[in-house]
């Protein structure tokens, strides 16, 4: 197994891309026969109900995780919430799933998103440069 620091986490559902503020978190490549990963995020208690609903419904979600340094590209995972624990003022959620190999390149996703928004030419180039620096979440589904 390999463990990494979780820097940023977004959970994509049918309705929204939810930015989860991280108090602390880690991501583990289990290096097993299924190539599965675990994410543990320790966040504000206000996220308890959202994680609890995902857990109870066993909803599979797309997770955008930035690992180790905020400058890194996000990795995309298909995951389910397998545990939610309410702690004093915080919640701990454990997610289990697989690295999503298709359409995982952030630059490609960003470019497609900007082009679909109607941007072209210099405006497309400027917006692409800006967003590559700020790395906002992008819905990975079409």
C-alpha atoms as a PDB file:
ATOM      1  CA  UNK A   1       0.000   0.000   0.000  1.00  0.00           C
ATOM      2  CA  UNK A   2       1.018   3.581  -0.626  1.00  0.00           C
ATOM      3  CA  UNK A   3      -0.364   6.510   1.341  1.00  0.00           C
ATOM      4  CA  UNK A   4      -0.521  10.113   0.147  1.00  0.00           C
ATOM      5  CA  UNK A   5      -1.675  13.443   1.583  1.00  0.00           C
ATOM      6  CA  UNK A   6      -5.104  14.560   0.351  1.00  0.00           C
ATOM      7  CA  UNK A   7      -4.948  18.239  -0.636  1.00  0.00           C
ATOM      8  CA  UNK A   8      -8.296  18.868  -2.320  1.00  0.00           C
ATOM      9  CA  UNK A   9     -11.545  16.940  -2.676  1.00  0.00           C
ATOM     10  CA  UNK A  10     -14.637  17.485  -4.816  1.00  0.00           C
ATOM     11  CA  UNK A  11     -17.546  15.047  -4.930  1.00  0.00           C
ATOM     12  CA  UNK A  12     -19.575  15.046  -8.127  1.00  0.00           C
ATOM     13  CA  UNK A  13     -23.221  14.029  -7.997  1.00  0.00           C
ATOM     14  CA  UNK A  14     -26.081  14.359 -10.478  1.00  0.00           C
ATOM     15  CA  UNK A  15     -26.992  17.760  -9.002  1.00  0.00           C
ATOM     16  CA  UNK A  16     -23.666  19.411  -8.227  1.00  0.00           C
ATOM     17  CA  UNK A  17     -19.923  19.288  -7.748  1.00  0.00           C
ATOM     18  CA  UNK A  18     -19.468  19.625  -4.001  1.00  0.00           C
ATOM     19  CA  UNK A  19     -16.210  21.146  -2.754  1.00  0.00           C
ATOM     20  CA  UNK A  20     -15.280  19.485   0.534  1.00  0.00           C
ATOM     21  CA  UNK A  21     -13.025  21.619   2.755  1.00  0.00           C
ATOM     22  CA  UNK A  22     -10.318  19.406   4.201  1.00  0.00           C
ATOM     23  CA  UNK A  23      -9.220  19.656   7.810  1.00  0.00           C
ATOM     24  CA  UNK A  24      -7.117  16.552   7.237  1.00  0.00           C
ATOM     25  CA  UNK A  25      -7.176  13.714   4.777  1.00  0.00           C
ATOM     26  CA  UNK A  26      -5.285  10.923   3.134  1.00  0.00           C
ATOM     27  CA  UNK A  27      -5.582   8.716   0.112  1.00  0.00           C
ATOM     28  CA  UNK A  28      -4.358   5.140  -0.046  1.00  0.00           C
ATOM     29  CA  UNK A  29      -3.516   3.112  -3.115  1.00  0.00           C
ATOM     30  CA  UNK A  30      -4.299  -0.372  -1.808  1.00  0.00           C
ATOM     31  CA  UNK A  31      -2.278  -1.974  -4.625  1.00  0.00           C
ATOM     32  CA  UNK A  32      -4.604  -4.961  -4.555  1.00  0.00           C
ATOM     33  CA  UNK A  33      -5.874  -7.170  -7.399  1.00  0.00           C
ATOM     34  CA  UNK A  34      -8.798  -4.735  -7.963  1.00  0.00           C
ATOM     35  CA  UNK A  35      -6.520  -1.646  -8.087  1.00  0.00           C
ATOM     36  CA  UNK A  36      -8.714  -0.029  -5.432  1.00  0.00           C
ATOM     37  CA  UNK A  37      -8.151   3.180  -3.506  1.00  0.00           C
ATOM     38  CA  UNK A  38      -9.359   4.534  -0.153  1.00  0.00           C
ATOM     39  CA  UNK A  39      -9.890   8.178   0.722  1.00  0.00           C
ATOM     40  CA  UNK A  40     -10.387   9.351   4.281  1.00  0.00           C
ATOM     41  CA  UNK A  41     -11.444  12.955   4.686  1.00  0.00           C
ATOM     42  CA  UNK A  42     -11.854  14.791   7.972  1.00  0.00           C
ATOM     43  CA  UNK A  43     -14.065  17.818   7.370  1.00  0.00           C
ATOM     44  CA  UNK A  44     -16.643  20.160   8.879  1.00  0.00           C
ATOM     45  CA  UNK A  45     -19.648  18.605  10.615  1.00  0.00           C
ATOM     46  CA  UNK A  46     -21.980  20.380   8.163  1.00  0.00           C
ATOM     47  CA  UNK A  47     -21.068  17.719   5.554  1.00  0.00           C
ATOM     48  CA  UNK A  48     -22.362  14.855   7.713  1.00  0.00           C
ATOM     49  CA  UNK A  49     -25.826  14.690   6.125  1.00  0.00           C
ATOM     50  CA  UNK A  50     -24.491  14.719   2.558  1.00  0.00           C
ATOM     51  CA  UNK A  51     -21.983  11.930   3.244  1.00  0.00           C
ATOM     52  CA  UNK A  52     -24.581   9.984   5.266  1.00  0.00           C
ATOM     53  CA  UNK A  53     -27.072  10.110   2.382  1.00  0.00           C
ATOM     54  CA  UNK A  54     -24.425   8.919  -0.097  1.00  0.00           C
ATOM     55  CA  UNK A  55     -23.543   6.125   2.334  1.00  0.00           C
ATOM     56  CA  UNK A  56     -27.130   5.053   2.990  1.00  0.00           C
ATOM     57  CA  UNK A  57     -28.051   5.121  -0.726  1.00  0.00           C
ATOM     58  CA  UNK A  58     -24.743   3.468  -1.713  1.00  0.00           C
ATOM     59  CA  UNK A  59     -24.551   6.024  -4.490  1.00  0.00           C
ATOM     60  CA  UNK A  60     -21.506   5.761  -6.732  1.00  0.00           C
ATOM     61  CA  UNK A  61     -19.973   9.190  -7.247  1.00  0.00           C
ATOM     62  CA  UNK A  62     -17.095  10.665  -9.196  1.00  0.00           C
ATOM     63  CA  UNK A  63     -14.471  12.094  -6.864  1.00  0.00           C
ATOM     64  CA  UNK A  64     -11.867  14.642  -7.923  1.00  0.00           C
ATOM     65  CA  UNK A  65      -8.850  14.394  -5.619  1.00  0.00           C
ATOM     66  CA  UNK A  66      -5.670  16.416  -5.675  1.00  0.00           C
ATOM     67  CA  UNK A  67      -2.857  14.507  -4.058  1.00  0.00           C
ATOM     68  CA  UNK A  68       0.323  15.743  -2.316  1.00  0.00           C
ATOM     69  CA  UNK A  69       0.570  19.284  -3.782  1.00  0.00           C
ATOM     70  CA  UNK A  70      -2.163  21.700  -4.866  1.00  0.00           C
ATOM     71  CA  UNK A  71      -0.320  22.242  -8.176  1.00  0.00           C
ATOM     72  CA  UNK A  72      -0.951  18.609  -9.181  1.00  0.00           C
ATOM     73  CA  UNK A  73      -3.728  17.679 -11.594  1.00  0.00           C
ATOM     74  CA  UNK A  74      -6.799  16.157  -9.989  1.00  0.00           C
ATOM     75  CA  UNK A  75      -7.216  12.396 -10.200  1.00  0.00           C
ATOM     76  CA  UNK A  76     -10.726  11.109 -10.887  1.00  0.00           C
ATOM     77  CA  UNK A  77     -12.171   8.136  -9.014  1.00  0.00           C
ATOM     78  CA  UNK A  78     -15.459   6.202  -9.030  1.00  0.00           C
ATOM     79  CA  UNK A  79     -16.217   5.700  -5.339  1.00  0.00           C
ATOM     80  CA  UNK A  80     -18.827   4.868  -2.727  1.00  0.00           C
ATOM     81  CA  UNK A  81     -18.937   6.171   0.826  1.00  0.00           C
ATOM     82  CA  UNK A  82     -18.340   3.125   3.046  1.00  0.00           C
ATOM     83  CA  UNK A  83     -18.226   4.835   6.452  1.00  0.00           C
ATOM     84  CA  UNK A  84     -19.313   8.120   8.043  1.00  0.00           C
ATOM     85  CA  UNK A  85     -18.408   8.994  11.636  1.00  0.00           C
ATOM     86  CA  UNK A  86     -19.646  12.056  13.457  1.00  0.00           C
ATOM     87  CA  UNK A  87     -16.990  13.532  15.733  1.00  0.00           C
ATOM     88  CA  UNK A  88     -16.962  16.634  17.913  1.00  0.00           C
ATOM     89  CA  UNK A  89     -17.488  19.465  15.419  1.00  0.00           C
ATOM     90  CA  UNK A  90     -16.277  17.360  12.496  1.00  0.00           C
ATOM     91  CA  UNK A  91     -17.103  14.335  10.380  1.00  0.00           C
ATOM     92  CA  UNK A  92     -14.851  11.613   9.045  1.00  0.00           C
ATOM     93  CA  UNK A  93     -15.865   9.952   5.777  1.00  0.00           C
ATOM     94  CA  UNK A  94     -14.207   6.927   4.221  1.00  0.00           C
ATOM     95  CA  UNK A  95     -14.618   6.372   0.486  1.00  0.00           C
ATOM     96  CA  UNK A  96     -13.641   3.260  -1.451  1.00  0.00           C
ATOM     97  CA  UNK A  97     -13.337   2.865  -5.190  1.00  0.00           C
ATOM     98  CA  UNK A  98     -11.288   2.750  -8.328  1.00  0.00           C
ATOM     99  CA  UNK A  99      -9.208   5.187 -10.302  1.00  0.00           C
ATOM    100  CA  UNK A 100     -11.273   6.272 -13.285  1.00  0.00           C
ATOM    101  CA  UNK A 101      -8.926   5.750 -16.219  1.00  0.00           C
ATOM    102  CA  UNK A 102     -11.084   7.247 -18.947  1.00  0.00           C
ATOM    103  CA  UNK A 103     -11.111  11.033 -19.424  1.00  0.00           C
ATOM    104  CA  UNK A 104      -8.884  11.597 -16.424  1.00  0.00           C
ATOM    105  CA  UNK A 105      -6.580  14.186 -17.955  1.00  0.00           C
ATOM    106  CA  UNK A 106      -7.488  17.531 -16.379  1.00  0.00           C
ATOM    107  CA  UNK A 107      -6.139  19.706 -19.205  1.00  0.00           C
ATOM    108  CA  UNK A 108      -8.201  17.812 -21.786  1.00  0.00           C
ATOM    109  CA  UNK A 109     -11.348  18.026 -19.639  1.00  0.00           C
ATOM    110  CA  UNK A 110     -10.798  21.735 -19.069  1.00  0.00           C
ATOM    111  CA  UNK A 111     -10.251  22.463 -22.749  1.00  0.00           C
ATOM    112  CA  UNK A 112     -13.385  20.518 -23.721  1.00  0.00           C
ATOM    113  CA  UNK A 113     -15.384  22.363 -21.047  1.00  0.00           C
ATOM    114  CA  UNK A 114     -14.189  25.794 -22.209  1.00  0.00           C
ATOM    115  CA  UNK A 115     -14.826  25.007 -25.869  1.00  0.00           C
ATOM    116  CA  UNK A 116     -18.328  23.733 -25.022  1.00  0.00           C
ATOM    117  CA  UNK A 117     -18.898  27.085 -23.290  1.00  0.00           C
ATOM    118  CA  UNK A 118     -18.324  28.773 -26.657  1.00  0.00           C
ATOM    119  CA  UNK A 119     -14.870  30.194 -26.043  1.00  0.00           C
ATOM    120  CA  UNK A 120     -12.499  30.492 -28.997  1.00  0.00           C
ATOM    121  CA  UNK A 121      -9.233  32.146 -29.988  1.00  0.00           C
ATOM    122  CA  UNK A 122      -7.449  34.417 -27.528  1.00  0.00           C
ATOM    123  CA  UNK A 123     -10.314  34.299 -25.014  1.00  0.00           C
ATOM    124  CA  UNK A 124     -10.074  30.483 -24.952  1.00  0.00           C
ATOM    125  CA  UNK A 125      -6.289  30.679 -24.479  1.00  0.00           C
ATOM    126  CA  UNK A 126      -6.542  33.245 -21.640  1.00  0.00           C
ATOM    127  CA  UNK A 127      -9.277  31.324 -19.816  1.00  0.00           C
ATOM    128  CA  UNK A 128      -7.384  28.031 -20.231  1.00  0.00           C
ATOM    129  CA  UNK A 129      -4.191  29.517 -18.720  1.00  0.00           C
ATOM    130  CA  UNK A 130      -6.125  31.026 -15.801  1.00  0.00           C
ATOM    131  CA  UNK A 131      -8.053  27.848 -15.026  1.00  0.00           C
ATOM    132  CA  UNK A 132      -4.933  25.668 -15.283  1.00  0.00           C
ATOM    133  CA  UNK A 133      -3.511  27.773 -12.443  1.00  0.00           C
ATOM    134  CA  UNK A 134      -6.638  27.803 -10.262  1.00  0.00           C
ATOM    135  CA  UNK A 135      -7.809  24.241 -11.118  1.00  0.00           C
ATOM    136  CA  UNK A 136     -11.560  24.606 -10.527  1.00  0.00           C
ATOM    137  CA  UNK A 137     -13.579  21.391 -10.452  1.00  0.00           C
ATOM    138  CA  UNK A 138     -14.932  20.257 -13.822  1.00  0.00           C
ATOM    139  CA  UNK A 139     -17.757  17.796 -14.264  1.00  0.00           C
ATOM    140  CA  UNK A 140     -16.252  14.697 -15.819  1.00  0.00           C
ATOM    141  CA  UNK A 141     -19.543  13.489 -17.334  1.00  0.00           C
ATOM    142  CA  UNK A 142     -21.072  14.636 -20.563  1.00  0.00           C
END
